[in-house]
């Protein structure tokens, strides 16, 4: 029988500028490379801005997931980022502040791309593992939760930033987070914007594993900044994973400064999970994933378009102020004057350039 050439179903030539795309050989159970089979590694490549995604990066992530999904030789997709500080901190606030604020029609087009990025992850024909190499915040949390599995550096933190900086976490968190951690914790995270340590995220069911990556005197140790013993405080509250404070926090920072961060254990944990996928029927895995993803898609498909409409219009008011405050404010003071804002709105003052200028952070 004559072998026919295979049709190329990709939408791209495979050339990327804002992200990195690599095919790495699958490893068998003995850790040996498997001939002709790969895992696709997609890296956000903006470490200087904590791997925030630009408009260009969003477009390339969509195409990269389509390429990985179509690749007949790919077993699993690893979605991660360059460096050790951040997986992703959301949209690029410099781009937001300097281009999209005050331009709702432009931001609405941008949000179509963002929505397509989330959908590209949820529609990928291969299992998607989020390799959380550092902070997973705001939109980074949302694209991470669109993935099927998350394995994190135990130095990573997780959370939202929307209501603090002029937005709502309607790019996925209001759709997905409660499915992981329950409605009460989702309410707390989405509204209060308080960060969770990797161990809290593990304890709450948000991620599959938290992997120590800090090496001190040649040994890997758990994140010294958080409490990693499972015990209760005097009120019967679980404090596993809570940040240390006072002298303990100071000592933890000193320990981190003395050590080095080595992400090899994280890579090993990710590869171990991908190897488990290798020894499963591929179509059965894909069908199982798609059945489970429906729980996310039920919310996402119902809400993403109307959320996009609101987020675009919000660029005329709170987002305009919040993103400018974050982009222009002095270090350590990048939030609007919330009390003054509430006072002005309570007095019936309309949104205007004068109101925005009045509530922006000032130099000390």
Protein backbone atom coordinates (compact mmCIF):
# COMPACT_ATOMS: atom_id res chain seq x y z
CA UNK A 1 0.00 0.00 0.00
CA UNK A 2 1.39 3.39 -1.00
CA UNK A 3 1.84 5.73 1.96
CA UNK A 4 0.05 9.00 1.34
CA UNK A 5 1.60 12.25 2.52
CA UNK A 6 -0.17 13.65 5.56
CA UNK A 7 -2.21 16.83 5.37
CA UNK A 8 -0.93 19.80 7.39
CA UNK A 9 -3.83 21.21 9.46
CA UNK A 10 -1.84 23.95 11.19
CA UNK A 11 -2.70 27.64 10.97
CA UNK A 12 0.93 28.72 11.38
CA UNK A 13 4.36 28.09 9.95
CA UNK A 14 5.69 27.40 13.44
CA UNK A 15 7.66 30.64 13.75
CA UNK A 16 7.23 32.49 17.05
CA UNK A 17 8.71 35.70 18.46
CA UNK A 18 7.07 36.27 21.86
CA UNK A 19 6.98 32.67 23.03
CA UNK A 20 9.17 29.59 22.72
CA UNK A 21 7.94 26.31 21.30
CA UNK A 22 9.97 23.14 21.75
CA UNK A 23 9.39 19.46 21.10
CA UNK A 24 11.20 17.40 23.72
CA UNK A 25 11.42 13.60 23.50
CA UNK A 26 8.98 11.65 25.66
CA UNK A 27 10.63 9.60 28.38
CA UNK A 28 9.72 5.99 29.06
CA UNK A 29 9.36 4.52 32.54
CA UNK A 30 13.11 4.03 32.74
CA UNK A 31 13.76 7.68 31.85
CA UNK A 32 14.97 6.93 28.33
CA UNK A 33 13.94 9.03 25.31
CA UNK A 34 11.30 7.41 23.11
CA UNK A 35 11.97 7.50 19.40
CA UNK A 36 9.52 9.61 17.41
CA UNK A 37 7.31 10.74 20.32
CA UNK A 38 7.47 14.15 22.00
CA UNK A 39 6.01 16.50 24.57
CA UNK A 40 5.38 20.03 23.30
CA UNK A 41 6.74 22.69 25.65
CA UNK A 42 5.20 26.16 25.24
CA UNK A 43 7.06 28.94 27.10
CA UNK A 44 5.84 32.48 27.71
CA UNK A 45 9.02 34.45 27.09
CA UNK A 46 8.79 37.77 28.90
CA UNK A 47 10.72 37.27 32.17
CA UNK A 48 11.64 40.96 32.54
CA UNK A 49 7.93 41.72 32.96
CA UNK A 50 7.18 38.60 35.04
CA UNK A 51 5.96 36.76 31.95
CA UNK A 52 2.94 38.98 31.45
CA UNK A 53 1.45 38.29 28.04
CA UNK A 54 1.35 40.95 25.35
CA UNK A 55 -1.17 40.98 22.53
CA UNK A 56 1.42 39.40 20.26
CA UNK A 57 2.12 36.64 22.79
CA UNK A 58 -1.59 35.84 23.12
CA UNK A 59 -1.87 35.33 19.37
CA UNK A 60 1.18 33.08 19.35
CA UNK A 61 -0.04 31.00 22.32
CA UNK A 62 -3.26 30.30 20.40
CA UNK A 63 -1.30 29.14 17.36
CA UNK A 64 1.14 27.13 19.46
CA UNK A 65 -1.64 25.18 21.14
CA UNK A 66 -3.19 24.47 17.76
CA UNK A 67 0.19 23.24 16.49
CA UNK A 68 0.70 21.00 19.53
CA UNK A 69 -2.86 19.70 19.28
CA UNK A 70 -2.40 18.77 15.61
CA UNK A 71 1.04 17.20 16.02
CA UNK A 72 0.53 13.45 15.68
CA UNK A 73 3.77 12.75 17.53
CA UNK A 74 2.96 14.87 20.61
CA UNK A 75 1.77 13.04 23.73
CA UNK A 76 1.31 15.96 26.16
CA UNK A 77 1.63 19.74 26.21
CA UNK A 78 3.64 21.50 28.91
CA UNK A 79 2.58 25.13 29.33
CA UNK A 80 5.15 27.16 31.26
CA UNK A 81 7.40 30.22 31.11
CA UNK A 82 11.01 31.31 31.05
CA UNK A 83 12.84 31.85 34.35
CA UNK A 84 12.15 31.03 37.96
CA UNK A 85 10.16 34.03 39.24
CA UNK A 86 6.88 33.85 37.36
CA UNK A 87 4.75 31.55 35.27
CA UNK A 88 2.53 34.47 34.36
CA UNK A 89 1.23 37.60 36.07
CA UNK A 90 -1.54 38.24 33.58
CA UNK A 91 -1.89 40.81 30.85
CA UNK A 92 0.90 43.28 30.23
CA UNK A 93 -0.13 46.27 32.35
CA UNK A 94 2.20 48.62 30.47
CA UNK A 95 0.40 47.77 27.24
CA UNK A 96 -2.95 48.03 29.00
CA UNK A 97 -2.17 51.43 30.51
CA UNK A 98 -0.53 52.97 27.47
CA UNK A 99 -2.76 51.61 24.71
CA UNK A 100 -6.00 49.97 25.87
CA UNK A 101 -7.20 52.25 28.68
CA UNK A 102 -9.97 54.53 27.45
CA UNK A 103 -10.29 52.51 24.22
CA UNK A 104 -13.04 49.95 24.84
CA UNK A 105 -13.41 48.88 21.21
CA UNK A 106 -9.70 48.08 21.02
CA UNK A 107 -9.80 46.18 24.30
CA UNK A 108 -12.85 44.25 23.14
CA UNK A 109 -10.84 43.00 20.17
CA UNK A 110 -7.98 42.12 22.51
CA UNK A 111 -10.38 40.20 24.76
CA UNK A 112 -11.54 38.16 21.78
CA UNK A 113 -7.95 37.03 21.45
CA UNK A 114 -7.73 36.32 25.18
CA UNK A 115 -10.94 34.29 25.05
CA UNK A 116 -9.57 32.36 22.08
CA UNK A 117 -6.42 31.61 24.11
CA UNK A 118 -8.44 30.09 26.95
CA UNK A 119 -10.53 28.12 24.47
CA UNK A 120 -7.42 26.90 22.63
CA UNK A 121 -6.17 25.38 25.90
CA UNK A 122 -9.55 23.83 26.72
CA UNK A 123 -9.91 22.41 23.18
CA UNK A 124 -6.40 20.98 22.91
CA UNK A 125 -6.48 17.32 21.81
CA UNK A 126 -3.59 16.52 24.15
CA UNK A 127 -3.42 16.65 27.96
CA UNK A 128 -2.10 20.02 29.11
CA UNK A 129 0.17 20.32 32.13
CA UNK A 130 0.82 23.75 33.63
CA UNK A 131 4.41 23.82 34.86
CA UNK A 132 4.19 26.61 37.43
CA UNK A 133 7.76 27.89 37.63
CA UNK A 134 6.84 30.94 39.74
CA UNK A 135 4.02 33.40 40.40
CA UNK A 136 0.66 32.48 38.84
CA UNK A 137 -1.42 35.60 39.30
CA UNK A 138 -4.42 37.34 37.66
CA UNK A 139 -4.70 36.24 34.02
CA UNK A 140 -1.83 33.87 34.70
CA UNK A 141 -4.02 32.10 37.23
CA UNK A 142 -6.78 31.92 34.65
CA UNK A 143 -4.76 30.43 31.81
CA UNK A 144 -3.25 28.04 34.36
CA UNK A 145 -6.65 26.82 35.50
CA UNK A 146 -7.67 26.21 31.88
CA UNK A 147 -4.96 23.52 31.84
CA UNK A 148 -5.75 19.95 32.90
CA UNK A 149 -3.03 19.57 35.55
CA UNK A 150 -0.76 21.94 37.49
CA UNK A 151 2.57 21.07 39.07
CA UNK A 152 4.28 23.94 40.84
CA UNK A 153 7.53 25.09 42.32
CA UNK A 154 6.84 25.37 46.04
CA UNK A 155 8.10 28.97 45.86
CA UNK A 156 5.19 29.91 43.59
CA UNK A 157 2.20 31.95 44.75
CA UNK A 158 -1.32 31.94 43.34
CA UNK A 159 -4.06 34.53 43.27
CA UNK A 160 -6.04 37.29 41.63
CA UNK A 161 -5.42 41.01 41.26
CA UNK A 162 -8.51 42.32 39.46
CA UNK A 163 -10.55 44.25 42.07
CA UNK A 164 -7.35 45.72 43.49
CA UNK A 165 -6.18 47.07 40.13
CA UNK A 166 -9.38 47.96 38.34
CA UNK A 167 -10.74 44.78 36.81
CA UNK A 168 -12.75 41.65 37.58
CA UNK A 169 -11.29 38.13 37.27
CA UNK A 170 -13.70 37.33 34.43
CA UNK A 171 -11.07 35.79 32.17
CA UNK A 172 -11.67 32.40 33.75
CA UNK A 173 -11.40 32.63 37.52
CA UNK A 174 -15.06 33.41 38.08
CA UNK A 175 -15.79 30.40 35.87
CA UNK A 176 -13.17 27.88 37.04
CA UNK A 177 -11.89 28.62 40.53
CA UNK A 178 -14.90 27.36 42.48
CA UNK A 179 -14.61 24.03 40.62
CA UNK A 180 -11.19 23.57 42.22
CA UNK A 181 -11.50 25.08 45.68
CA UNK A 182 -15.22 25.58 46.41
CA UNK A 183 -17.35 28.69 46.29
CA UNK A 184 -16.27 30.21 49.64
CA UNK A 185 -12.54 30.14 48.89
CA UNK A 186 -13.22 31.30 45.34
CA UNK A 187 -15.12 34.29 46.75
CA UNK A 188 -12.21 35.14 49.03
CA UNK A 189 -9.55 34.83 46.35
CA UNK A 190 -11.41 36.68 43.60
CA UNK A 191 -12.59 39.60 45.71
CA UNK A 192 -9.81 40.10 48.29
CA UNK A 193 -6.85 39.37 46.00
CA UNK A 194 -4.90 37.67 48.79
CA UNK A 195 -2.18 35.32 47.60
CA UNK A 196 -1.99 31.59 48.35
CA UNK A 197 1.28 29.77 48.78
CA UNK A 198 1.89 26.65 46.69
CA UNK A 199 1.18 24.52 49.76
CA UNK A 200 -2.13 26.27 50.35
CA UNK A 201 -2.97 25.77 46.68
CA UNK A 202 -2.13 22.08 47.05
CA UNK A 203 -4.16 21.79 50.23
CA UNK A 204 -7.17 23.45 48.56
CA UNK A 205 -7.03 21.18 45.50
CA UNK A 206 -5.92 23.85 43.02
CA UNK A 207 -2.74 22.01 41.96
CA UNK A 208 -1.50 18.42 41.83
CA UNK A 209 1.89 18.90 43.49
CA UNK A 210 4.19 21.47 45.09
CA UNK A 211 7.85 20.60 44.45
CA UNK A 212 10.76 21.95 46.54
CA UNK A 213 13.23 23.74 44.25
CA UNK A 214 15.39 25.63 46.77
CA UNK A 215 18.77 24.01 47.28
CA UNK A 216 20.71 24.86 50.46
CA UNK A 217 24.06 23.17 51.18
CA UNK A 218 23.40 20.74 48.36
CA UNK A 219 19.99 19.63 49.66
CA UNK A 220 16.50 20.56 48.48
CA UNK A 221 14.39 22.05 51.26
CA UNK A 222 10.72 23.10 51.40
CA UNK A 223 9.93 26.79 50.96
CA UNK A 224 11.18 28.32 54.23
CA UNK A 225 8.80 31.31 53.94
CA UNK A 226 5.70 29.22 54.70
CA UNK A 227 4.58 26.77 57.36
CA UNK A 228 4.84 23.28 55.89
CA UNK A 229 3.89 21.29 59.02
CA UNK A 230 0.25 20.17 59.17
CA UNK A 231 -1.13 21.44 62.44
CA UNK A 232 -3.79 23.76 63.84
CA UNK A 233 -3.50 27.11 65.54
CA UNK A 234 -5.07 27.83 68.93
CA UNK A 235 -8.46 28.45 67.31
CA UNK A 236 -8.51 25.13 65.51
CA UNK A 237 -7.72 26.67 62.11
CA UNK A 238 -5.43 24.83 59.69
CA UNK A 239 -2.37 26.96 59.08
CA UNK A 240 -0.54 24.61 56.72
CA UNK A 241 1.01 26.68 53.94
CA UNK A 242 0.46 30.06 55.64
CA UNK A 243 3.27 32.62 55.30
CA UNK A 244 5.58 33.06 58.25
CA UNK A 245 5.87 36.48 59.87
CA UNK A 246 8.22 38.53 62.03
CA UNK A 247 11.60 37.01 62.84
CA UNK A 248 10.66 33.73 61.20
CA UNK A 249 9.99 35.51 57.90
CA UNK A 250 13.29 37.42 58.17
CA UNK A 251 15.17 34.20 58.78
CA UNK A 252 13.43 32.57 55.82
CA UNK A 253 14.54 35.38 53.50
CA UNK A 254 18.11 34.89 54.68
CA UNK A 255 17.92 31.17 53.96
CA UNK A 256 16.63 31.83 50.44
CA UNK A 257 19.41 34.35 49.82
CA UNK A 258 21.99 31.73 50.80
CA UNK A 259 20.54 29.02 48.57
CA UNK A 260 20.01 28.55 44.86
CA UNK A 261 16.87 27.79 42.90
CA UNK A 262 17.09 24.64 40.79
CA UNK A 263 14.00 23.74 38.76
CA UNK A 264 15.21 20.26 37.83
CA UNK A 265 12.93 18.58 40.42
CA UNK A 266 9.99 20.48 38.93
CA UNK A 267 10.92 19.27 35.46
CA UNK A 268 11.22 15.72 36.73
CA UNK A 269 7.75 15.86 38.31
CA UNK A 270 6.28 17.26 35.09
CA UNK A 271 8.01 14.63 32.98
CA UNK A 272 6.85 11.87 35.34
CA UNK A 273 3.24 12.93 34.80
CA UNK A 274 3.72 13.16 31.04
CA UNK A 275 5.25 9.66 31.09
CA UNK A 276 2.14 8.30 32.79
CA UNK A 277 0.13 9.71 29.87
CA UNK A 278 2.42 7.89 27.44
CA UNK A 279 1.18 4.54 28.76
CA UNK A 280 -2.51 5.27 28.13
CA UNK A 281 -4.69 4.88 25.02
CA UNK A 282 -4.45 8.28 23.30
CA UNK A 283 -8.04 8.59 22.09
CA UNK A 284 -9.43 7.35 25.40
CA UNK A 285 -7.34 9.98 27.21
CA UNK A 286 -8.56 12.69 24.84
CA UNK A 287 -12.22 11.69 25.28
CA UNK A 288 -11.85 11.55 29.06
CA UNK A 289 -10.26 14.99 29.15
CA UNK A 290 -12.95 16.47 26.94
CA UNK A 291 -15.69 15.00 29.12
CA UNK A 292 -14.13 16.48 32.25
CA UNK A 293 -13.39 19.80 30.56
CA UNK A 294 -17.12 20.22 29.92
CA UNK A 295 -17.48 21.27 33.56
CA UNK A 296 -15.24 24.26 32.83
CA UNK A 297 -16.68 24.88 29.39
CA UNK A 298 -20.25 25.01 30.72
CA UNK A 299 -19.31 28.15 32.63
CA UNK A 300 -16.82 29.51 30.11
CA UNK A 301 -19.08 29.24 27.08
CA UNK A 302 -21.99 30.77 28.98
CA UNK A 303 -20.08 33.78 30.26
CA UNK A 304 -16.98 34.60 28.20
CA UNK A 305 -18.61 36.80 25.56
CA UNK A 306 -20.67 38.95 27.94
CA UNK A 307 -17.67 39.19 30.27
CA UNK A 308 -15.67 40.44 27.31
CA UNK A 309 -18.26 43.16 26.70
CA UNK A 310 -18.12 44.35 30.31
CA UNK A 311 -14.32 44.23 30.52
CA UNK A 312 -14.11 46.41 27.41
CA UNK A 313 -16.45 49.06 28.80
CA UNK A 314 -14.64 48.96 32.14
CA UNK A 315 -11.61 50.38 30.32
CA UNK A 316 -13.40 53.73 30.50
CA UNK A 317 -13.64 53.77 34.29
CA UNK A 318 -12.00 51.63 37.00
CA UNK A 319 -9.60 49.80 34.67
CA UNK A 320 -8.46 53.11 33.24
CA UNK A 321 -7.53 54.29 36.71
CA UNK A 322 -6.24 50.99 38.06
CA UNK A 323 -3.93 50.09 35.20
CA UNK A 324 -2.53 53.61 35.05
CA UNK A 325 -1.90 53.50 38.80
CA UNK A 326 -0.01 50.23 38.49
CA UNK A 327 1.98 51.38 35.47
CA UNK A 328 2.78 54.93 36.62
CA UNK A 329 2.78 54.72 40.42
CA UNK A 330 6.01 54.79 42.44
CA UNK A 331 7.43 51.52 43.70
CA UNK A 332 5.42 50.24 46.65
CA UNK A 333 2.48 52.54 45.87
CA UNK A 334 0.72 51.35 42.73
CA UNK A 335 -2.91 51.39 43.78
CA UNK A 336 -5.49 54.12 43.50
CA UNK A 337 -6.74 55.99 46.55
CA UNK A 338 -9.68 53.67 47.19
CA UNK A 339 -11.25 55.78 49.92
CA UNK A 340 -11.12 58.99 47.90
CA UNK A 341 -12.60 57.14 44.91
CA UNK A 342 -15.50 55.85 47.00
CA UNK A 343 -16.08 59.28 48.51
CA UNK A 344 -16.21 60.94 45.11
CA UNK A 345 -18.55 58.31 43.68
CA UNK A 346 -20.77 58.51 46.78
CA UNK A 347 -21.04 62.26 46.21
CA UNK A 348 -22.24 61.59 42.67
CA UNK A 349 -19.11 62.70 40.84
CA UNK A 350 -19.00 61.23 37.31
CA UNK A 351 -16.02 59.41 35.90
CA UNK A 352 -13.72 61.88 34.17
CA UNK A 353 -10.05 62.55 33.51
CA UNK A 354 -10.07 64.82 36.58
CA UNK A 355 -11.39 62.01 38.81
CA UNK A 356 -8.78 59.57 37.50
CA UNK A 357 -5.95 62.04 38.08
CA UNK A 358 -7.20 62.75 41.60
CA UNK A 359 -7.06 59.12 42.71
CA UNK A 360 -3.76 58.11 41.09
CA UNK A 361 -0.94 57.35 43.59
CA UNK A 362 1.37 60.22 44.36
CA UNK A 363 5.09 60.31 45.05
CA UNK A 364 5.83 60.17 48.78
